[in-house]
Every structure is written in structure tokens, then in C-alpha cells.
C-alpha atoms as a PDB file:
ATOM      1  CA  MET A   1       8.232   1.032 -40.485  1.00  0.00           C
ATOM      2  CA  ARG A   2       4.551   0.772 -39.665  1.00  0.00           C
ATOM      3  CA  MET A   3       5.046  -2.640 -38.069  1.00  0.00           C
ATOM      4  CA  PHE A   4       7.895  -1.300 -35.977  1.00  0.00           C
ATOM      5  CA  ILE A   5       5.703   1.592 -34.654  1.00  0.00           C
ATOM      6  CA  MET A   6       2.872  -0.859 -33.874  1.00  0.00           C
ATOM      7  CA  PHE A   7       5.330  -3.127 -32.089  1.00  0.00           C
ATOM      8  CA  ILE A   8       6.659  -0.267 -29.959  1.00  0.00           C
ATOM      9  CA  MET A   9       3.093   0.815 -29.104  1.00  0.00           C
ATOM     10  CA  LEU A  10       2.278  -2.770 -28.096  1.00  0.00           C
ATOM     11  CA  LEU A  11       5.312  -2.954 -25.853  1.00  0.00           C
ATOM     12  CA  CYS A  12       4.340   0.361 -24.192  1.00  0.00           C
ATOM     13  CA  MET A  13       0.822  -0.866 -23.537  1.00  0.00           C
ATOM     14  CA  ILE A  14       2.073  -4.128 -22.016  1.00  0.00           C
ATOM     15  CA  ALA A  15       4.571  -2.364 -19.833  1.00  0.00           C
ATOM     16  CA  THR A  16       2.028   0.023 -18.367  1.00  0.00           C
ATOM     17  CA  VAL A  17      -0.999  -2.260 -17.887  1.00  0.00           C
ATOM     18  CA  GLY A  18       0.391  -4.540 -15.217  1.00  0.00           C
ATOM     19  CA  CYS A  19       1.297  -1.888 -12.668  1.00  0.00           C
ATOM     20  CA  ALA A  20      -0.947   0.960 -13.692  1.00  0.00           C
ATOM     21  CA  PHE A  21      -2.516   1.239 -10.283  1.00  0.00           C
ATOM     22  CA  TYR A  22      -1.050   0.294  -6.874  1.00  0.00           C
ATOM     23  CA  GLN A  23      -3.325  -2.307  -5.308  1.00  0.00           C
ATOM     24  CA  ALA A  24      -3.379  -2.591  -1.568  1.00  0.00           C
ATOM     25  CA  PRO A  25      -3.919  -6.056  -0.046  1.00  0.00           C
ATOM     26  CA  VAL A  26      -7.428  -5.146   1.107  1.00  0.00           C
ATOM     27  CA  VAL A  27      -9.020  -1.934  -0.165  1.00  0.00           C
ATOM     28  CA  PRO A  28     -12.277  -0.706   1.285  1.00  0.00           C
ATOM     29  CA  PRO A  29     -14.561   1.105  -1.194  1.00  0.00           C
ATOM     30  CA  GLY A  30     -12.875   4.306  -2.237  1.00  0.00           C
ATOM     31  CA  GLY A  31     -12.992   6.940  -4.906  1.00  0.00           C
ATOM     32  CA  LEU A  32     -11.253   6.790  -8.165  1.00  0.00           C
ATOM     33  CA  LEU A  33     -10.249  10.414  -7.978  1.00  0.00           C
ATOM     34  CA  PHE A  34      -9.485  10.469  -4.213  1.00  0.00           C
ATOM     35  CA  ALA A  35      -9.349   7.908  -1.492  1.00  0.00           C
ATOM     36  CA  ASN A  36      -8.217   8.112   2.127  1.00  0.00           C
ATOM     37  CA  THR A  37      -9.086   4.896   3.974  1.00  0.00           C
ATOM     38  CA  LYS A  38      -8.020   3.029   7.077  1.00  0.00           C
ATOM     39  CA  ALA A  39      -8.899  -0.607   7.750  1.00  0.00           C
ATOM     40  CA  PRO A  40      -7.618  -3.675   9.633  1.00  0.00           C
ATOM     41  CA  MET A  41      -5.486  -6.299   7.940  1.00  0.00           C
ATOM     42  CA  ASP A  42      -6.663  -8.844  10.512  1.00  0.00           C
ATOM     43  CA  VAL A  43     -10.024 -10.539  10.151  1.00  0.00           C
ATOM     44  CA  ASP A  44     -10.231 -12.237  13.547  1.00  0.00           C
ATOM     45  CA  THR A  45     -10.144  -9.274  15.883  1.00  0.00           C
ATOM     46  CA  ASP A  46     -12.879 -10.382  18.384  1.00  0.00           C
ATOM     47  CA  LYS A  47     -10.660 -10.242  21.456  1.00  0.00           C
ATOM     48  CA  THR A  48      -7.499  -8.634  20.152  1.00  0.00           C
ATOM     49  CA  GLU A  49      -5.644  -6.304  22.488  1.00  0.00           C
ATOM     50  CA  THR A  50      -3.819  -3.556  20.595  1.00  0.00           C
ATOM     51  CA  GLY A  51      -0.981  -3.114  23.047  1.00  0.00           C
ATOM     52  CA  THR A  52       0.834   0.001  24.294  1.00  0.00           C
ATOM     53  CA  LYS A  53       3.088   0.758  21.371  1.00  0.00           C
ATOM     54  CA  ILE A  54       2.470   1.655  17.701  1.00  0.00           C
ATOM     55  CA  GLY A  55       4.864   1.317  14.774  1.00  0.00           C
ATOM     56  CA  GLU A  56       4.302   2.499  11.229  1.00  0.00           C
ATOM     57  CA  ALA A  57       6.015   1.820   7.886  1.00  0.00           C
ATOM     58  CA  SER A  58       5.054   3.433   4.557  1.00  0.00           C
ATOM     59  CA  THR A  59       5.554   3.260   0.792  1.00  0.00           C
ATOM     60  CA  LEU A  60       5.002   6.178  -1.602  1.00  0.00           C
ATOM     61  CA  SER A  61       4.166   5.760  -5.230  1.00  0.00           C
ATOM     62  CA  ILE A  62       4.283   8.570  -7.775  1.00  0.00           C
ATOM     63  CA  LEU A  63       2.416   8.210 -11.063  1.00  0.00           C
ATOM     64  CA  SER A  64       2.508   4.410 -10.447  1.00  0.00           C
ATOM     65  CA  LEU A  65       5.927   4.604 -12.040  1.00  0.00           C
ATOM     66  CA  PHE A  66       8.144   5.065  -9.002  1.00  0.00           C
ATOM     67  CA  THR A  67       7.578   3.390  -5.660  1.00  0.00           C
ATOM     68  CA  PHE A  68       9.766   3.972  -2.583  1.00  0.00           C
ATOM     69  CA  GLY A  69       9.731   2.507   0.902  1.00  0.00           C
ATOM     70  CA  ASP A  70       9.192  -0.661   2.946  1.00  0.00           C
ATOM     71  CA  CYS A  71       5.701  -1.137   4.357  1.00  0.00           C
ATOM     72  CA  SER A  72       6.255  -4.629   5.733  1.00  0.00           C
ATOM     73  CA  ILE A  73       4.968  -5.595   9.153  1.00  0.00           C
ATOM     74  CA  ASN A  74       8.530  -6.276  10.158  1.00  0.00           C
ATOM     75  CA  ALA A  75       9.589  -2.672   9.291  1.00  0.00           C
ATOM     76  CA  ALA A  76       6.545  -1.309  11.213  1.00  0.00           C
ATOM     77  CA  ALA A  77       7.457  -3.408  14.233  1.00  0.00           C
ATOM     78  CA  GLN A  78      11.084  -2.212  14.100  1.00  0.00           C
ATOM     79  CA  ASN A  79       9.985   1.419  13.741  1.00  0.00           C
ATOM     80  CA  GLY A  80       7.747   1.114  16.811  1.00  0.00           C
ATOM     81  CA  ASN A  81      10.298  -0.911  18.795  1.00  0.00           C
ATOM     82  CA  LEU A  82       7.748  -3.752  19.073  1.00  0.00           C
ATOM     83  CA  LYS A  83       8.759  -7.214  20.271  1.00  0.00           C
ATOM     84  CA  THR A  84       5.242  -8.636  19.893  1.00  0.00           C
ATOM     85  CA  VAL A  85       2.719  -7.556  17.244  1.00  0.00           C
ATOM     86  CA  ASN A  86      -0.908  -7.976  18.368  1.00  0.00           C
ATOM     87  CA  HIS A  87      -2.844  -6.279  15.609  1.00  0.00           C
ATOM     88  CA  VAL A  88      -2.152  -4.714  12.218  1.00  0.00           C
ATOM     89  CA  ASP A  89      -4.097  -1.961  10.400  1.00  0.00           C
ATOM     90  CA  TYR A  90      -3.286  -0.112   7.185  1.00  0.00           C
ATOM     91  CA  SER A  91      -3.919   3.308   5.733  1.00  0.00           C
ATOM     92  CA  TYR A  92      -4.241   4.003   2.045  1.00  0.00           C
ATOM     93  CA  THR A  93      -4.296   7.354   0.275  1.00  0.00           C
ATOM     94  CA  ASN A  94      -4.769   7.891  -3.456  1.00  0.00           C
ATOM     95  CA  VAL A  95      -4.977  11.249  -5.267  1.00  0.00           C
ATOM     96  CA  LEU A  96      -5.891  10.879  -8.941  1.00  0.00           C
ATOM     97  CA  GLY A  97      -3.482   7.926  -9.215  1.00  0.00           C
ATOM     98  CA  VAL A  98      -0.633  10.453  -9.218  1.00  0.00           C
ATOM     99  CA  TYR A  99       0.160  10.241  -5.460  1.00  0.00           C
ATOM    100  CA  GLN A 100      -0.393   7.007  -3.522  1.00  0.00           C
ATOM    101  CA  ASN A 101       0.698   6.228  -0.055  1.00  0.00           C
ATOM    102  CA  PHE A 102       0.317   2.894   1.782  1.00  0.00           C
ATOM    103  CA  THR A 103       1.109   2.682   5.508  1.00  0.00           C
ATOM    104  CA  THR A 104       1.171  -0.465   7.669  1.00  0.00           C
ATOM    105  CA  ILE A 105       0.321   0.305  11.263  1.00  0.00           C
ATOM    106  CA  ALA A 106       1.391  -2.381  13.804  1.00  0.00           C
ATOM    107  CA  TYR A 107       0.143  -2.407  17.430  1.00  0.00           C
ATOM    108  CA  GLY A 108       1.803  -4.368  20.195  1.00  0.00           C
ATOM    109  CA  ASP A 109       4.256  -4.384  23.088  1.00  0.00           C
END
């Protein structure tokens, strides 16, 4: 019985370690308790024109157990009716790891 309980505990630890915290592609320094950051996804923005339209797409994560939404660049472009994407930013909000929101922001025409 003791081995069975230890096995169940091990399975629970393995199941929660891999996705305990949502990790954005690029996260600027933020707080462990609270973070609200915006940053570019592009690294070569020397002469980038943002365009006249903006499209956004978001995902929402609750307790890092349930995640909803589509935050792809394609979804952001469709939501903003963009035919050409010139630049992409993102916004990331984390409150105690309980509430996490990741938004892709696409700029273009």
C-alpha cells in the first residue's frame, strides 16, 4: 500500500511539473507575484512600419491547468482584417500564477 501511495504521488509530481507555469516565447523581467509586460516579438525593427490596422488574439490560463484561446499571429491578423503583417508585439499578464493572459498584437495593412 505504501508503494502505491508513493507511486501516485510521483505521478502527480510529474504531471504538474512540466506545465506548472505558462512560459511566453520572450518574457521581459517580471514579478513572480504580478507581471504586466508588453514587448516586441521581432528583433529587427530598425525600419519597421507598423501599418494602419491592429489585430489581437489572446489565450487565457487559469491555475496553469486550463488554457483557452488561440494567440497565433494568423488569428491576430484575421481578427484585425490584416492582409500583410508588418510587426508583432505581445502582452503578458500574470497574477500569482492563478490568472495568466498572453496576447499577440499584429500590426499591418
